Amino acid sequence: MVTLADCERTQHAWFRAQAAATGGRAFGTHRMDWVWLPETREMLCLFPTEITEAGLLPALAEAERRGAAAVGVWLNAAVKPTELERRRFERGWQPWWMTAPVDALLRDAGDAGPDPRVGLDVPSGGVCALEPPQAWLAAARVGGERAGQSYAFVPPNQGTRHLAGIFDMFVAPEHRRTGLGTALLGCLARTAADAGAEHLLLNATPEGLQLYRNRGFALIGKGRTWWHHLPQ
């Protein structure tokens, strides 16, 4: 059974992997774990057990020093956001944690076979270039143009959990409702299975909820995000 804690750990590992691949940084301040992502200019705190002034202020100073566009804090329902509200953070989008067994997704795909519009991409750098391999990018192309993409990520050092995360799913608005989202999920499910994963997890937005439900994902809980946007 995949738990909310599994989802949070995998999300945290995904951001740490991105930081490692792009010249970012992971660090801690008084029981708050932070990741700096230079490509998106975001300073992120992942699932702290407590939010204190001593943990928050050094990270805000570091974000300002690095020219961050935003500071984000991902929370579960057990942590009070009082200090974030006091520092004028604003409530952001809500991750909806969903999970599905890999074999169920593959079985549900039946005999349709791979969609010729979707395949694995091989970027020359970034998170897909980490060694040992941890992440794979599936890309959708229509008429020679990229129409969508998403990543599968298998966290290292997870013992016997055999989990993979599906992250950064995107389909261009003009190509939605054409089966590309389903095809991307199918491609990444096969890739995750080849990497040893037995369960998939993801954080959904309300817009993507029905797609994932139609492919067998179940909602197991909701999180919260809070954001502070720095002057540019």
C-alpha atoms as a PDB file:
ATOM      1  CA  MET A   1       0.000   0.000   0.000  1.00  0.00           C
ATOM      2  CA  VAL A   2       1.299   3.443  -0.973  1.00  0.00           C
ATOM      3  CA  THR A   3       0.954   6.052   1.776  1.00  0.00           C
ATOM      4  CA  LEU A   4       0.913   9.835   1.873  1.00  0.00           C
ATOM      5  CA  ALA A   5       4.369   9.660   3.469  1.00  0.00           C
ATOM      6  CA  ASP A   6       5.576   7.706   0.407  1.00  0.00           C
ATOM      7  CA  CYS A   7       4.182  10.426  -1.857  1.00  0.00           C
ATOM      8  CA  GLU A   8       5.884  13.158   0.138  1.00  0.00           C
ATOM      9  CA  ARG A   9       9.233  11.356   0.213  1.00  0.00           C
ATOM     10  CA  THR A  10       9.117  10.753  -3.534  1.00  0.00           C
ATOM     11  CA  GLN A  11       8.202  14.359  -4.275  1.00  0.00           C
ATOM     12  CA  HIS A  12      11.070  15.533  -2.061  1.00  0.00           C
ATOM     13  CA  ALA A  13      13.491  13.142  -3.781  1.00  0.00           C
ATOM     14  CA  TRP A  14      12.343  14.425  -7.186  1.00  0.00           C
ATOM     15  CA  PHE A  15      13.152  18.023  -6.300  1.00  0.00           C
ATOM     16  CA  ARG A  16      16.493  17.001  -4.785  1.00  0.00           C
ATOM     17  CA  ALA A  17      17.366  15.118  -7.979  1.00  0.00           C
ATOM     18  CA  GLN A  18      16.520  18.192 -10.075  1.00  0.00           C
ATOM     19  CA  ALA A  19      18.713  20.341  -7.849  1.00  0.00           C
ATOM     20  CA  ALA A  20      21.614  17.884  -8.142  1.00  0.00           C
ATOM     21  CA  ALA A  21      21.297  17.845 -11.931  1.00  0.00           C
ATOM     22  CA  THR A  22      21.008  21.596 -12.484  1.00  0.00           C
ATOM     23  CA  GLY A  23      23.536  23.139 -10.107  1.00  0.00           C
ATOM     24  CA  GLY A  24      21.064  23.690  -7.307  1.00  0.00           C
ATOM     25  CA  ARG A  25      21.409  22.969  -3.635  1.00  0.00           C
ATOM     26  CA  ALA A  26      19.677  21.072  -0.829  1.00  0.00           C
ATOM     27  CA  PHE A  27      20.115  22.248   2.757  1.00  0.00           C
ATOM     28  CA  GLY A  28      18.406  22.347   6.141  1.00  0.00           C
ATOM     29  CA  THR A  29      17.501  25.098   8.607  1.00  0.00           C
ATOM     30  CA  HIS A  30      16.146  24.165  12.043  1.00  0.00           C
ATOM     31  CA  ARG A  31      14.148  21.073  11.009  1.00  0.00           C
ATOM     32  CA  MET A  32      13.111  22.555   7.659  1.00  0.00           C
ATOM     33  CA  ASP A  33      14.487  20.908   4.490  1.00  0.00           C
ATOM     34  CA  TRP A  34      15.027  23.201   1.506  1.00  0.00           C
ATOM     35  CA  VAL A  35      15.837  22.751  -2.175  1.00  0.00           C
ATOM     36  CA  TRP A  36      17.081  25.526  -4.474  1.00  0.00           C
ATOM     37  CA  LEU A  37      16.082  25.041  -8.138  1.00  0.00           C
ATOM     38  CA  PRO A  38      18.049  27.514 -10.273  1.00  0.00           C
ATOM     39  CA  GLU A  39      16.217  26.766 -13.539  1.00  0.00           C
ATOM     40  CA  THR A  40      12.856  27.881 -12.140  1.00  0.00           C
ATOM     41  CA  ARG A  41      14.392  30.223  -9.529  1.00  0.00           C
ATOM     42  CA  GLU A  42      12.391  28.599  -6.746  1.00  0.00           C
ATOM     43  CA  MET A  43      13.391  27.948  -3.140  1.00  0.00           C
ATOM     44  CA  LEU A  44      11.227  25.090  -1.871  1.00  0.00           C
ATOM     45  CA  CYS A  45      10.698  23.663   1.607  1.00  0.00           C
ATOM     46  CA  LEU A  46       9.398  20.110   1.531  1.00  0.00           C
ATOM     47  CA  PHE A  47       7.035  18.816   4.214  1.00  0.00           C
ATOM     48  CA  PRO A  48       8.469  20.302   7.419  1.00  0.00           C
ATOM     49  CA  THR A  49       7.233  18.900  10.718  1.00  0.00           C
ATOM     50  CA  GLU A  50       7.288  22.404  12.171  1.00  0.00           C
ATOM     51  CA  ILE A  51       7.588  25.932  10.770  1.00  0.00           C
ATOM     52  CA  THR A  52       9.553  28.363  12.911  1.00  0.00           C
ATOM     53  CA  GLU A  53      11.058  31.790  12.490  1.00  0.00           C
ATOM     54  CA  ALA A  54      14.539  30.284  12.992  1.00  0.00           C
ATOM     55  CA  GLY A  55      13.932  27.867  10.127  1.00  0.00           C
ATOM     56  CA  LEU A  56      12.230  30.298   7.770  1.00  0.00           C
ATOM     57  CA  LEU A  57      14.281  33.495   7.959  1.00  0.00           C
ATOM     58  CA  PRO A  58      17.669  32.048   6.850  1.00  0.00           C
ATOM     59  CA  ALA A  59      16.033  30.429   3.816  1.00  0.00           C
ATOM     60  CA  LEU A  60      14.250  33.667   2.883  1.00  0.00           C
ATOM     61  CA  ALA A  61      17.579  35.493   3.083  1.00  0.00           C
ATOM     62  CA  GLU A  62      19.253  32.832   0.941  1.00  0.00           C
ATOM     63  CA  ALA A  63      16.421  33.042  -1.603  1.00  0.00           C
ATOM     64  CA  GLU A  64      16.848  36.802  -1.858  1.00  0.00           C
ATOM     65  CA  ARG A  65      20.619  36.439  -2.214  1.00  0.00           C
ATOM     66  CA  ARG A  66      20.200  33.991  -5.079  1.00  0.00           C
ATOM     67  CA  GLY A  67      17.613  36.088  -6.903  1.00  0.00           C
ATOM     68  CA  ALA A  68      14.730  33.670  -6.391  1.00  0.00           C
ATOM     69  CA  ALA A  69      11.388  34.473  -7.970  1.00  0.00           C
ATOM     70  CA  ALA A  70       9.412  32.570  -5.333  1.00  0.00           C
ATOM     71  CA  VAL A  71       9.707  30.672  -2.066  1.00  0.00           C
ATOM     72  CA  GLY A  72       7.307  27.753  -1.717  1.00  0.00           C
ATOM     73  CA  VAL A  73       6.454  25.511   1.220  1.00  0.00           C
ATOM     74  CA  TRP A  74       4.746  22.130   0.713  1.00  0.00           C
ATOM     75  CA  LEU A  75       2.759  21.006   3.764  1.00  0.00           C
ATOM     76  CA  ASN A  76       0.634  18.148   4.961  1.00  0.00           C
ATOM     77  CA  ALA A  77      -2.518  18.747   6.940  1.00  0.00           C
ATOM     78  CA  ALA A  78      -0.850  18.174  10.327  1.00  0.00           C
ATOM     79  CA  VAL A  79       1.389  21.263  10.185  1.00  0.00           C
ATOM     80  CA  LYS A  80      -0.005  24.692  11.072  1.00  0.00           C
ATOM     81  CA  PRO A  81       0.866  27.513   8.631  1.00  0.00           C
ATOM     82  CA  THR A  82       0.726  30.259  11.288  1.00  0.00           C
ATOM     83  CA  GLU A  83       4.310  31.446  10.724  1.00  0.00           C
ATOM     84  CA  LEU A  84       3.800  31.448   6.943  1.00  0.00           C
ATOM     85  CA  GLU A  85       0.723  33.630   7.268  1.00  0.00           C
ATOM     86  CA  ARG A  86       2.647  35.982   9.560  1.00  0.00           C
ATOM     87  CA  ARG A  87       5.368  36.287   6.896  1.00  0.00           C
ATOM     88  CA  ARG A  88       2.738  37.057   4.227  1.00  0.00           C
ATOM     89  CA  PHE A  89       2.906  33.777   2.379  1.00  0.00           C
ATOM     90  CA  GLU A  90      -0.201  33.118   0.305  1.00  0.00           C
ATOM     91  CA  ARG A  91      -2.087  29.849   0.047  1.00  0.00           C
ATOM     92  CA  GLY A  92      -1.316  28.200  -3.296  1.00  0.00           C
ATOM     93  CA  TRP A  93      -2.490  25.237  -5.324  1.00  0.00           C
ATOM     94  CA  GLN A  94      -3.370  21.975  -3.624  1.00  0.00           C
ATOM     95  CA  PRO A  95      -1.579  18.740  -4.612  1.00  0.00           C
ATOM     96  CA  TRP A  96      -4.002  15.823  -4.863  1.00  0.00           C
ATOM     97  CA  TRP A  97      -1.993  12.659  -4.177  1.00  0.00           C
ATOM     98  CA  MET A  98      -2.977   9.707  -6.379  1.00  0.00           C
ATOM     99  CA  THR A  99      -1.580   6.193  -6.762  1.00  0.00           C
ATOM    100  CA  ALA A 100      -2.020   3.164  -9.019  1.00  0.00           C
ATOM    101  CA  PRO A 101      -0.419  -0.276  -9.413  1.00  0.00           C
ATOM    102  CA  VAL A 102       1.804  -0.393 -12.488  1.00  0.00           C
ATOM    103  CA  ASP A 103       0.523  -3.779 -13.612  1.00  0.00           C
ATOM    104  CA  ALA A 104      -3.080  -2.523 -13.538  1.00  0.00           C
ATOM    105  CA  LEU A 105      -2.202   0.354 -15.861  1.00  0.00           C
ATOM    106  CA  LEU A 106      -0.389  -1.968 -18.248  1.00  0.00           C
ATOM    107  CA  ARG A 107      -3.207  -4.500 -18.168  1.00  0.00           C
ATOM    108  CA  ASP A 108      -5.764  -1.760 -18.777  1.00  0.00           C
ATOM    109  CA  ALA A 109      -3.833  -0.682 -21.879  1.00  0.00           C
ATOM    110  CA  GLY A 110      -4.714  -4.080 -23.364  1.00  0.00           C
ATOM    111  CA  ASP A 111      -3.562  -4.862 -26.865  1.00  0.00           C
ATOM    112  CA  ALA A 112      -3.621  -1.262 -28.104  1.00  0.00           C
ATOM    113  CA  GLY A 113       0.182  -1.075 -28.086  1.00  0.00           C
ATOM    114  CA  PRO A 114       2.312   2.056 -27.857  1.00  0.00           C
ATOM    115  CA  ASP A 115       0.993   5.289 -29.362  1.00  0.00           C
ATOM    116  CA  PRO A 116       3.309   6.290 -32.247  1.00  0.00           C
ATOM    117  CA  ARG A 117       3.022   9.945 -31.220  1.00  0.00           C
ATOM    118  CA  VAL A 118       4.757   9.271 -27.871  1.00  0.00           C
ATOM    119  CA  GLY A 119       8.194   7.934 -27.035  1.00  0.00           C
ATOM    120  CA  LEU A 120      11.102   8.348 -24.659  1.00  0.00           C
ATOM    121  CA  ASP A 121      13.279  11.388 -25.247  1.00  0.00           C
ATOM    122  CA  VAL A 122      17.001  11.395 -24.519  1.00  0.00           C
ATOM    123  CA  PRO A 123      17.996  14.833 -23.168  1.00  0.00           C
ATOM    124  CA  SER A 124      21.712  15.563 -23.146  1.00  0.00           C
ATOM    125  CA  GLY A 125      21.590  16.923 -19.585  1.00  0.00           C
ATOM    126  CA  GLY A 126      19.320  17.595 -16.655  1.00  0.00           C
ATOM    127  CA  VAL A 127      17.715  15.079 -14.368  1.00  0.00           C
ATOM    128  CA  CYS A 128      17.655  12.343 -17.032  1.00  0.00           C
ATOM    129  CA  ALA A 129      21.467  12.390 -17.144  1.00  0.00           C
ATOM    130  CA  LEU A 130      21.913  11.429 -13.484  1.00  0.00           C
ATOM    131  CA  GLU A 131      23.864   8.261 -12.756  1.00  0.00           C
ATOM    132  CA  PRO A 132      22.632   5.744 -11.915  1.00  0.00           C
ATOM    133  CA  PRO A 133      19.538   6.448 -14.039  1.00  0.00           C
ATOM    134  CA  GLN A 134      16.637   7.758 -11.993  1.00  0.00           C
ATOM    135  CA  ALA A 135      14.424   9.704 -14.423  1.00  0.00           C
ATOM    136  CA  TRP A 136      13.039   9.225 -17.918  1.00  0.00           C
ATOM    137  CA  LEU A 137      11.292  11.801 -20.129  1.00  0.00           C
ATOM    138  CA  ALA A 138       8.389  10.833 -22.376  1.00  0.00           C
ATOM    139  CA  ALA A 139       7.595  13.304 -25.152  1.00  0.00           C
ATOM    140  CA  ALA A 140       4.568  13.604 -27.441  1.00  0.00           C
ATOM    141  CA  ARG A 141       4.955  14.994 -30.948  1.00  0.00           C
ATOM    142  CA  VAL A 142       2.262  15.943 -33.443  1.00  0.00           C
ATOM    143  CA  GLY A 143       3.197  17.140 -36.907  1.00  0.00           C
ATOM    144  CA  GLY A 144       6.842  17.313 -35.906  1.00  0.00           C
ATOM    145  CA  GLU A 145       6.113  19.693 -33.004  1.00  0.00           C
ATOM    146  CA  ARG A 146       6.296  18.796 -29.309  1.00  0.00           C
ATOM    147  CA  ALA A 147       2.737  18.582 -27.966  1.00  0.00           C
ATOM    148  CA  GLY A 148       3.351  17.296 -24.450  1.00  0.00           C
ATOM    149  CA  GLN A 149       5.717  15.618 -22.044  1.00  0.00           C
ATOM    150  CA  SER A 150       6.081  14.045 -18.604  1.00  0.00           C
ATOM    151  CA  TYR A 151       8.716  12.356 -16.429  1.00  0.00           C
ATOM    152  CA  ALA A 152       8.917   9.024 -14.623  1.00  0.00           C
ATOM    153  CA  PHE A 153      11.179   9.113 -11.585  1.00  0.00           C
ATOM    154  CA  VAL A 154      12.359   6.135  -9.515  1.00  0.00           C
ATOM    155  CA  PRO A 155      13.892   7.415  -6.256  1.00  0.00           C
ATOM    156  CA  PRO A 156      17.222   5.889  -5.264  1.00  0.00           C
ATOM    157  CA  ASN A 157      17.709   4.139  -1.925  1.00  0.00           C
ATOM    158  CA  GLN A 158      14.024   3.391  -1.326  1.00  0.00           C
ATOM    159  CA  GLY A 159      14.575  -0.194  -0.163  1.00  0.00           C
ATOM    160  CA  THR A 160      11.742  -2.543  -1.068  1.00  0.00           C
ATOM    161  CA  ARG A 161       9.096   0.115  -1.799  1.00  0.00           C
ATOM    162  CA  HIS A 162       9.437  -0.127  -5.630  1.00  0.00           C
ATOM    163  CA  LEU A 163       7.736   3.218  -6.278  1.00  0.00           C
ATOM    164  CA  ALA A 164       7.901   5.584  -9.231  1.00  0.00           C
ATOM    165  CA  GLY A 165       6.612   9.145  -9.442  1.00  0.00           C
ATOM    166  CA  ILE A 166       4.985  10.709 -12.492  1.00  0.00           C
ATOM    167  CA  PHE A 167       5.890  14.394 -12.575  1.00  0.00           C
ATOM    168  CA  ASP A 168       5.448  17.544 -14.674  1.00  0.00           C
ATOM    169  CA  MET A 169       2.716  16.171 -16.917  1.00  0.00           C
ATOM    170  CA  PHE A 170       1.914  18.681 -19.659  1.00  0.00           C
ATOM    171  CA  VAL A 171      -0.172  18.518 -22.832  1.00  0.00           C
ATOM    172  CA  ALA A 172      -0.517  21.640 -24.976  1.00  0.00           C
ATOM    173  CA  PRO A 173      -4.067  23.055 -24.800  1.00  0.00           C
ATOM    174  CA  GLU A 174      -4.707  22.516 -28.512  1.00  0.00           C
ATOM    175  CA  HIS A 175      -3.872  18.803 -28.180  1.00  0.00           C
ATOM    176  CA  ARG A 176      -5.849  17.976 -25.060  1.00  0.00           C
ATOM    177  CA  ARG A 177      -8.611  15.361 -25.224  1.00  0.00           C
ATOM    178  CA  THR A 178      -6.806  13.599 -28.077  1.00  0.00           C
ATOM    179  CA  GLY A 179      -5.376  10.719 -26.034  1.00  0.00           C
ATOM    180  CA  LEU A 180      -1.900  12.173 -25.566  1.00  0.00           C
ATOM    181  CA  GLY A 181      -2.145  12.268 -21.765  1.00  0.00           C
ATOM    182  CA  THR A 182      -3.168   8.617 -21.704  1.00  0.00           C
ATOM    183  CA  ALA A 183      -0.361   7.736 -24.116  1.00  0.00           C
ATOM    184  CA  LEU A 184       2.229   9.548 -21.997  1.00  0.00           C
ATOM    185  CA  LEU A 185       1.045   7.676 -18.905  1.00  0.00           C
ATOM    186  CA  GLY A 186       1.227   4.372 -20.760  1.00  0.00           C
ATOM    187  CA  CYS A 187       4.759   5.034 -21.980  1.00  0.00           C
ATOM    188  CA  LEU A 188       5.945   6.015 -18.510  1.00  0.00           C
ATOM    189  CA  ALA A 189       4.195   3.057 -16.848  1.00  0.00           C
ATOM    190  CA  ARG A 190       6.079   0.665 -19.143  1.00  0.00           C
ATOM    191  CA  THR A 191       9.330   2.508 -18.439  1.00  0.00           C
ATOM    192  CA  ALA A 192       8.758   2.452 -14.676  1.00  0.00           C
ATOM    193  CA  ALA A 193       7.958  -1.250 -14.783  1.00  0.00           C
ATOM    194  CA  ASP A 194      11.211  -1.924 -16.655  1.00  0.00           C
ATOM    195  CA  ALA A 195      13.033   0.004 -13.888  1.00  0.00           C
ATOM    196  CA  GLY A 196      11.483  -2.241 -11.219  1.00  0.00           C
ATOM    197  CA  ALA A 197       8.583  -0.065 -10.050  1.00  0.00           C
ATOM    198  CA  GLU A 198       5.384  -1.752  -8.874  1.00  0.00           C
ATOM    199  CA  HIS A 199       3.351   1.346  -7.988  1.00  0.00           C
ATOM    200  CA  LEU A 200       3.001   4.810  -9.516  1.00  0.00           C
ATOM    201  CA  LEU A 201       2.207   7.978  -7.621  1.00  0.00           C
ATOM    202  CA  LEU A 202       1.644  11.584  -8.658  1.00  0.00           C
ATOM    203  CA  ASN A 203       0.250  14.900  -7.505  1.00  0.00           C
ATOM    204  CA  ALA A 204      -2.734  15.924  -9.574  1.00  0.00           C
ATOM    205  CA  THR A 205      -4.405  19.242 -10.175  1.00  0.00           C
ATOM    206  CA  PRO A 206      -8.201  19.351 -10.452  1.00  0.00           C
ATOM    207  CA  GLU A 207      -7.819  19.681 -14.235  1.00  0.00           C
ATOM    208  CA  GLY A 208      -5.947  16.376 -14.488  1.00  0.00           C
ATOM    209  CA  LEU A 209      -7.987  14.444 -11.948  1.00  0.00           C
ATOM    210  CA  GLN A 210     -10.353  12.804 -14.418  1.00  0.00           C
ATOM    211  CA  LEU A 211      -7.546  11.668 -16.733  1.00  0.00           C
ATOM    212  CA  TYR A 212      -5.803   9.878 -13.876  1.00  0.00           C
ATOM    213  CA  ARG A 213      -9.020   8.390 -12.508  1.00  0.00           C
ATOM    214  CA  ASN A 214      -9.839   7.024 -15.951  1.00  0.00           C
ATOM    215  CA  ARG A 215      -6.456   5.267 -15.959  1.00  0.00           C
ATOM    216  CA  GLY A 216      -6.990   3.642 -12.567  1.00  0.00           C
ATOM    217  CA  PHE A 217      -5.372   6.119 -10.175  1.00  0.00           C
ATOM    218  CA  ALA A 218      -7.019   6.493  -6.764  1.00  0.00           C
ATOM    219  CA  LEU A 219      -7.001   9.650  -4.660  1.00  0.00           C
ATOM    220  CA  ILE A 220      -5.418   8.959  -1.256  1.00  0.00           C
ATOM    221  CA  GLY A 221      -5.138  12.476   0.190  1.00  0.00           C
ATOM    222  CA  LYS A 222      -4.511  16.157  -0.351  1.00  0.00           C
ATOM    223  CA  GLY A 223      -1.674  18.473   0.553  1.00  0.00           C
ATOM    224  CA  ARG A 224      -1.177  22.249   0.647  1.00  0.00           C
ATOM    225  CA  THR A 225       1.301  24.712  -0.763  1.00  0.00           C
ATOM    226  CA  TRP A 226       2.118  28.243   0.410  1.00  0.00           C
ATOM    227  CA  TRP A 227       4.026  30.818  -1.638  1.00  0.00           C
ATOM    228  CA  HIS A 228       5.948  34.028  -1.137  1.00  0.00           C
ATOM    229  CA  HIS A 229       6.819  35.926  -4.325  1.00  0.00           C
ATOM    230  CA  LEU A 230       9.914  38.101  -4.145  1.00  0.00           C
ATOM    231  CA  PRO A 231      10.152  41.534  -5.812  1.00  0.00           C
ATOM    232  CA  GLN A 232      11.836  41.309  -9.212  1.00  0.00           C
END
